[in-house]
Amino acid sequence: MNITTTITDATARITPYGEIDLDTLPSLRAAVDRLPPCVTGLLWDLEHLSFTDVAGLRLLFAPVPHRRTTVTGLRDQPLQLLMVAADLFPTTYDLARLIPDTPAGLMSRRP
């Protein structure tokens, strides 16, 4: 998997290319672990992500101390997975935290 990390001020943008699964999860976690302590915002840019499974949920909702995590560029399959997870387990997968600009009505709407 290719991963691009860009740091601007106190925000890191991590862009994975391809798929997130159990095989690619360690390299993505390593990218987060390498961020300097001055980074307080973590933005996952998923524009180039074609697929994710439960490993993506683990990655996106894993607690990252002292960093606010958000997501941008969600494509159809990753978005559908997030919405199903949030619908089934709303306390665990709080999309309002991960995607703060999403209208509240979208969170409760099933496809």
N, C-alpha and C. Protein backbone atom coordinates (compact mmCIF):
# COMPACT_ATOMS: atom_id res chain seq x y z
N MET A 1 0.85 -1.18 0.00
CA MET A 1 0.00 0.00 0.00
C MET A 1 0.88 1.23 0.00
N ASN A 2 0.50 2.20 -0.81
CA ASN A 2 1.17 3.50 -0.79
C ASN A 2 0.42 4.42 0.16
N ILE A 3 1.18 5.19 0.90
CA ILE A 3 0.62 6.13 1.87
C ILE A 3 1.36 7.46 1.72
N THR A 4 0.60 8.54 1.65
CA THR A 4 1.19 9.87 1.63
C THR A 4 0.81 10.58 2.92
N THR A 5 1.79 11.17 3.57
CA THR A 5 1.54 11.96 4.78
C THR A 5 2.03 13.37 4.55
N THR A 6 1.14 14.33 4.78
CA THR A 6 1.48 15.74 4.64
C THR A 6 1.13 16.43 5.96
N ILE A 7 2.06 17.22 6.47
CA ILE A 7 1.81 17.94 7.72
C ILE A 7 1.81 19.44 7.41
N THR A 8 0.70 20.08 7.79
CA THR A 8 0.55 21.52 7.64
C THR A 8 0.16 22.08 9.00
N ASP A 9 1.01 22.92 9.54
CA ASP A 9 0.81 23.46 10.89
C ASP A 9 0.67 22.29 11.87
N ALA A 10 -0.48 22.17 12.52
CA ALA A 10 -0.67 21.12 13.52
C ALA A 10 -1.56 19.98 13.02
N THR A 11 -1.78 19.91 11.69
CA THR A 11 -2.65 18.88 11.13
C THR A 11 -1.88 17.99 10.17
N ALA A 12 -2.06 16.71 10.34
CA ALA A 12 -1.48 15.73 9.42
C ALA A 12 -2.58 15.17 8.55
N ARG A 13 -2.32 15.10 7.25
CA ARG A 13 -3.24 14.48 6.29
C ARG A 13 -2.57 13.20 5.82
N ILE A 14 -3.23 12.08 6.13
CA ILE A 14 -2.71 10.79 5.69
C ILE A 14 -3.64 10.28 4.58
N THR A 15 -3.04 9.97 3.42
CA THR A 15 -3.79 9.52 2.26
C THR A 15 -3.33 8.12 1.88
N PRO A 16 -4.16 7.11 2.15
CA PRO A 16 -3.84 5.75 1.69
C PRO A 16 -4.34 5.54 0.26
N TYR A 17 -3.63 4.73 -0.49
CA TYR A 17 -4.01 4.40 -1.86
C TYR A 17 -4.26 2.90 -1.94
N GLY A 18 -5.45 2.51 -2.36
CA GLY A 18 -5.77 1.09 -2.48
C GLY A 18 -6.87 0.67 -1.53
N GLU A 19 -6.57 -0.32 -0.70
CA GLU A 19 -7.55 -0.90 0.20
C GLU A 19 -7.02 -0.93 1.63
N ILE A 20 -7.94 -0.86 2.59
CA ILE A 20 -7.58 -1.06 3.99
C ILE A 20 -8.16 -2.41 4.40
N ASP A 21 -7.26 -3.29 4.82
CA ASP A 21 -7.67 -4.59 5.35
C ASP A 21 -6.64 -4.98 6.42
N LEU A 22 -6.73 -6.18 6.92
CA LEU A 22 -5.82 -6.59 8.00
C LEU A 22 -4.36 -6.59 7.56
N ASP A 23 -4.10 -6.79 6.26
CA ASP A 23 -2.72 -6.78 5.77
C ASP A 23 -2.13 -5.37 5.71
N THR A 24 -2.95 -4.37 5.40
CA THR A 24 -2.45 -3.01 5.26
C THR A 24 -2.57 -2.19 6.54
N LEU A 25 -3.33 -2.68 7.50
CA LEU A 25 -3.55 -1.96 8.75
C LEU A 25 -2.25 -1.61 9.48
N PRO A 26 -1.28 -2.52 9.61
CA PRO A 26 -0.05 -2.17 10.34
C PRO A 26 0.71 -0.98 9.74
N SER A 27 0.78 -0.89 8.42
CA SER A 27 1.51 0.23 7.82
C SER A 27 0.78 1.56 8.06
N LEU A 28 -0.54 1.53 8.10
CA LEU A 28 -1.30 2.75 8.38
C LEU A 28 -1.14 3.17 9.84
N ARG A 29 -1.17 2.21 10.73
CA ARG A 29 -0.94 2.53 12.15
C ARG A 29 0.47 3.08 12.35
N ALA A 30 1.43 2.52 11.62
CA ALA A 30 2.81 3.01 11.73
C ALA A 30 2.91 4.45 11.24
N ALA A 31 2.15 4.81 10.21
CA ALA A 31 2.15 6.20 9.73
C ALA A 31 1.65 7.14 10.81
N VAL A 32 0.64 6.73 11.56
CA VAL A 32 0.12 7.55 12.67
C VAL A 32 1.16 7.62 13.79
N ASP A 33 1.78 6.50 14.10
CA ASP A 33 2.77 6.46 15.18
C ASP A 33 3.99 7.34 14.89
N ARG A 34 4.30 7.56 13.62
CA ARG A 34 5.46 8.38 13.24
C ARG A 34 5.19 9.88 13.29
N LEU A 35 3.94 10.26 13.48
CA LEU A 35 3.63 11.69 13.50
C LEU A 35 4.30 12.37 14.69
N PRO A 36 4.79 13.59 14.50
CA PRO A 36 5.43 14.30 15.61
C PRO A 36 4.40 14.72 16.66
N PRO A 37 4.83 14.92 17.89
CA PRO A 37 3.91 15.28 18.97
C PRO A 37 3.16 16.59 18.74
N CYS A 38 3.69 17.48 17.91
CA CYS A 38 3.04 18.77 17.67
C CYS A 38 1.76 18.63 16.83
N VAL A 39 1.52 17.48 16.24
CA VAL A 39 0.32 17.26 15.42
C VAL A 39 -0.86 16.97 16.33
N THR A 40 -1.87 17.84 16.27
CA THR A 40 -3.07 17.67 17.09
C THR A 40 -4.30 17.31 16.28
N GLY A 41 -4.20 17.39 14.97
CA GLY A 41 -5.30 17.03 14.09
C GLY A 41 -4.86 15.97 13.10
N LEU A 42 -5.67 14.93 12.95
CA LEU A 42 -5.37 13.84 12.02
C LEU A 42 -6.52 13.75 11.03
N LEU A 43 -6.23 14.01 9.76
CA LEU A 43 -7.23 13.95 8.70
C LEU A 43 -6.90 12.78 7.80
N TRP A 44 -7.81 11.81 7.75
CA TRP A 44 -7.68 10.69 6.83
C TRP A 44 -8.33 11.10 5.52
N ASP A 45 -7.55 11.22 4.46
CA ASP A 45 -8.05 11.54 3.13
C ASP A 45 -8.25 10.22 2.40
N LEU A 46 -9.50 9.81 2.24
CA LEU A 46 -9.81 8.48 1.69
C LEU A 46 -10.26 8.54 0.23
N GLU A 47 -9.92 9.61 -0.45
CA GLU A 47 -10.34 9.78 -1.84
C GLU A 47 -9.82 8.66 -2.74
N HIS A 48 -8.66 8.10 -2.44
CA HIS A 48 -8.05 7.07 -3.27
C HIS A 48 -8.23 5.67 -2.67
N LEU A 49 -9.14 5.54 -1.74
CA LEU A 49 -9.42 4.26 -1.09
C LEU A 49 -10.60 3.60 -1.80
N SER A 50 -10.37 2.43 -2.35
CA SER A 50 -11.43 1.75 -3.09
C SER A 50 -12.24 0.80 -2.22
N PHE A 51 -11.65 0.32 -1.13
CA PHE A 51 -12.33 -0.68 -0.29
C PHE A 51 -11.74 -0.65 1.11
N THR A 52 -12.61 -0.92 2.08
CA THR A 52 -12.15 -1.18 3.44
C THR A 52 -13.08 -2.19 4.08
N ASP A 53 -12.52 -2.95 5.00
CA ASP A 53 -13.33 -3.87 5.78
C ASP A 53 -13.28 -3.42 7.24
N VAL A 54 -13.52 -4.31 8.16
CA VAL A 54 -13.54 -3.95 9.57
C VAL A 54 -12.21 -3.35 10.03
N ALA A 55 -11.14 -3.65 9.34
CA ALA A 55 -9.84 -3.06 9.69
C ALA A 55 -9.89 -1.53 9.55
N GLY A 56 -10.62 -1.05 8.57
CA GLY A 56 -10.78 0.40 8.40
C GLY A 56 -11.53 1.02 9.56
N LEU A 57 -12.55 0.31 10.04
CA LEU A 57 -13.28 0.80 11.21
C LEU A 57 -12.37 0.88 12.41
N ARG A 58 -11.57 -0.15 12.60
CA ARG A 58 -10.62 -0.17 13.73
C ARG A 58 -9.64 1.00 13.63
N LEU A 59 -9.18 1.26 12.43
CA LEU A 59 -8.21 2.34 12.24
C LEU A 59 -8.84 3.70 12.49
N LEU A 60 -9.97 3.95 11.87
CA LEU A 60 -10.59 5.28 11.95
C LEU A 60 -11.15 5.61 13.32
N PHE A 61 -11.57 4.59 14.07
CA PHE A 61 -12.17 4.85 15.37
C PHE A 61 -11.24 4.50 16.53
N ALA A 62 -10.00 4.16 16.24
CA ALA A 62 -9.04 3.89 17.31
C ALA A 62 -8.72 5.20 18.02
N PRO A 63 -8.68 5.19 19.34
CA PRO A 63 -8.33 6.41 20.05
C PRO A 63 -6.90 6.84 19.72
N VAL A 64 -6.75 8.09 19.38
CA VAL A 64 -5.43 8.67 19.12
C VAL A 64 -5.26 9.79 20.14
N PRO A 65 -4.53 9.53 21.21
CA PRO A 65 -4.40 10.54 22.28
C PRO A 65 -3.93 11.89 21.76
N HIS A 66 -4.60 12.94 22.21
CA HIS A 66 -4.23 14.33 21.92
C HIS A 66 -4.37 14.71 20.45
N ARG A 67 -5.16 13.93 19.70
CA ARG A 67 -5.38 14.24 18.29
C ARG A 67 -6.85 14.08 17.94
N ARG A 68 -7.38 15.06 17.25
CA ARG A 68 -8.75 14.98 16.76
C ARG A 68 -8.70 14.33 15.38
N THR A 69 -9.45 13.25 15.20
CA THR A 69 -9.44 12.50 13.96
C THR A 69 -10.69 12.81 13.14
N THR A 70 -10.50 13.13 11.86
CA THR A 70 -11.60 13.36 10.94
C THR A 70 -11.29 12.66 9.62
N VAL A 71 -12.32 12.58 8.76
CA VAL A 71 -12.20 11.88 7.49
C VAL A 71 -12.73 12.77 6.37
N THR A 72 -12.11 12.67 5.21
CA THR A 72 -12.60 13.36 4.02
C THR A 72 -12.45 12.42 2.82
N GLY A 73 -13.17 12.74 1.74
CA GLY A 73 -13.01 12.00 0.50
C GLY A 73 -13.59 10.61 0.49
N LEU A 74 -14.61 10.36 1.30
CA LEU A 74 -15.20 9.02 1.36
C LEU A 74 -15.87 8.64 0.05
N ARG A 75 -15.52 7.48 -0.46
CA ARG A 75 -16.17 6.93 -1.65
C ARG A 75 -17.29 5.99 -1.21
N ASP A 76 -18.02 5.45 -2.16
CA ASP A 76 -19.24 4.70 -1.87
C ASP A 76 -19.06 3.55 -0.87
N GLN A 77 -18.16 2.62 -1.14
CA GLN A 77 -18.06 1.44 -0.29
C GLN A 77 -17.60 1.79 1.13
N PRO A 78 -16.55 2.58 1.31
CA PRO A 78 -16.18 2.94 2.68
C PRO A 78 -17.28 3.70 3.41
N LEU A 79 -17.97 4.59 2.70
CA LEU A 79 -19.06 5.34 3.32
C LEU A 79 -20.19 4.41 3.74
N GLN A 80 -20.55 3.47 2.90
CA GLN A 80 -21.62 2.52 3.25
C GLN A 80 -21.24 1.70 4.48
N LEU A 81 -19.98 1.26 4.56
CA LEU A 81 -19.54 0.50 5.73
C LEU A 81 -19.65 1.34 6.99
N LEU A 82 -19.21 2.59 6.92
CA LEU A 82 -19.30 3.48 8.08
C LEU A 82 -20.75 3.69 8.51
N MET A 83 -21.63 3.86 7.54
CA MET A 83 -23.04 4.10 7.86
C MET A 83 -23.70 2.87 8.47
N VAL A 84 -23.39 1.70 7.96
CA VAL A 84 -23.96 0.47 8.53
C VAL A 84 -23.43 0.27 9.96
N ALA A 85 -22.13 0.48 10.15
CA ALA A 85 -21.55 0.33 11.49
C ALA A 85 -22.18 1.31 12.46
N ALA A 86 -22.37 2.56 12.02
CA ALA A 86 -22.97 3.58 12.88
C ALA A 86 -24.43 3.26 13.19
N ASP A 87 -25.12 2.69 12.23
CA ASP A 87 -26.51 2.33 12.43
C ASP A 87 -26.64 1.17 13.43
N LEU A 88 -25.76 0.19 13.31
CA LEU A 88 -25.82 -0.98 14.19
C LEU A 88 -25.23 -0.72 15.58
N PHE A 89 -24.18 0.08 15.63
CA PHE A 89 -23.48 0.34 16.89
C PHE A 89 -23.21 1.85 17.04
N PRO A 90 -24.25 2.66 17.24
CA PRO A 90 -24.08 4.12 17.23
C PRO A 90 -23.15 4.66 18.31
N THR A 91 -23.06 4.00 19.43
CA THR A 91 -22.18 4.49 20.49
C THR A 91 -20.71 4.26 20.14
N THR A 92 -20.43 3.13 19.54
CA THR A 92 -19.05 2.78 19.17
C THR A 92 -18.58 3.54 17.95
N TYR A 93 -19.45 3.66 16.95
CA TYR A 93 -19.08 4.29 15.68
C TYR A 93 -19.87 5.59 15.50
N ASP A 94 -19.44 6.62 16.20
CA ASP A 94 -20.09 7.92 16.18
C ASP A 94 -19.57 8.72 14.99
N LEU A 95 -20.34 8.72 13.89
CA LEU A 95 -19.89 9.41 12.69
C LEU A 95 -19.83 10.91 12.84
N ALA A 96 -20.60 11.47 13.74
CA ALA A 96 -20.56 12.92 13.95
C ALA A 96 -19.19 13.36 14.44
N ARG A 97 -18.49 12.49 15.13
CA ARG A 97 -17.13 12.81 15.58
C ARG A 97 -16.14 12.71 14.43
N LEU A 98 -16.32 11.71 13.59
CA LEU A 98 -15.39 11.44 12.51
C LEU A 98 -15.62 12.34 11.30
N ILE A 99 -16.90 12.65 11.04
CA ILE A 99 -17.28 13.48 9.89
C ILE A 99 -18.13 14.62 10.43
N PRO A 100 -17.50 15.64 11.02
CA PRO A 100 -18.25 16.66 11.76
C PRO A 100 -19.21 17.49 10.91
N ASP A 101 -18.99 17.60 9.60
CA ASP A 101 -19.85 18.44 8.76
C ASP A 101 -21.03 17.69 8.15
N THR A 102 -21.24 16.45 8.55
CA THR A 102 -22.33 15.66 8.00
C THR A 102 -23.63 16.01 8.68
N PRO A 103 -24.70 16.26 7.90
CA PRO A 103 -26.00 16.56 8.52
C PRO A 103 -26.48 15.40 9.38
N ALA A 104 -27.07 15.73 10.52
CA ALA A 104 -27.53 14.71 11.47
C ALA A 104 -28.52 13.73 10.83
N GLY A 105 -29.37 14.18 9.93
CA GLY A 105 -30.35 13.31 9.30
C GLY A 105 -29.71 12.21 8.48
N LEU A 106 -28.56 12.47 7.90
CA LEU A 106 -27.87 11.47 7.10
C LEU A 106 -27.40 10.31 7.97
N MET A 107 -27.03 10.60 9.20
CA MET A 107 -26.51 9.57 10.09
C MET A 107 -27.57 8.51 10.41
N SER A 108 -28.82 8.90 10.46
CA SER A 108 -29.85 7.95 10.85
C SER A 108 -30.60 7.36 9.66
N ARG A 109 -30.24 7.76 8.44
CA ARG A 109 -30.94 7.29 7.26
C ARG A 109 -30.29 6.01 6.73
N ARG A 110 -31.11 4.99 6.50
CA ARG A 110 -30.60 3.74 5.96
C ARG A 110 -30.80 3.74 4.46
N PRO A 111 -29.84 3.16 3.72
CA PRO A 111 -29.97 3.08 2.26
C PRO A 111 -31.11 2.17 1.85
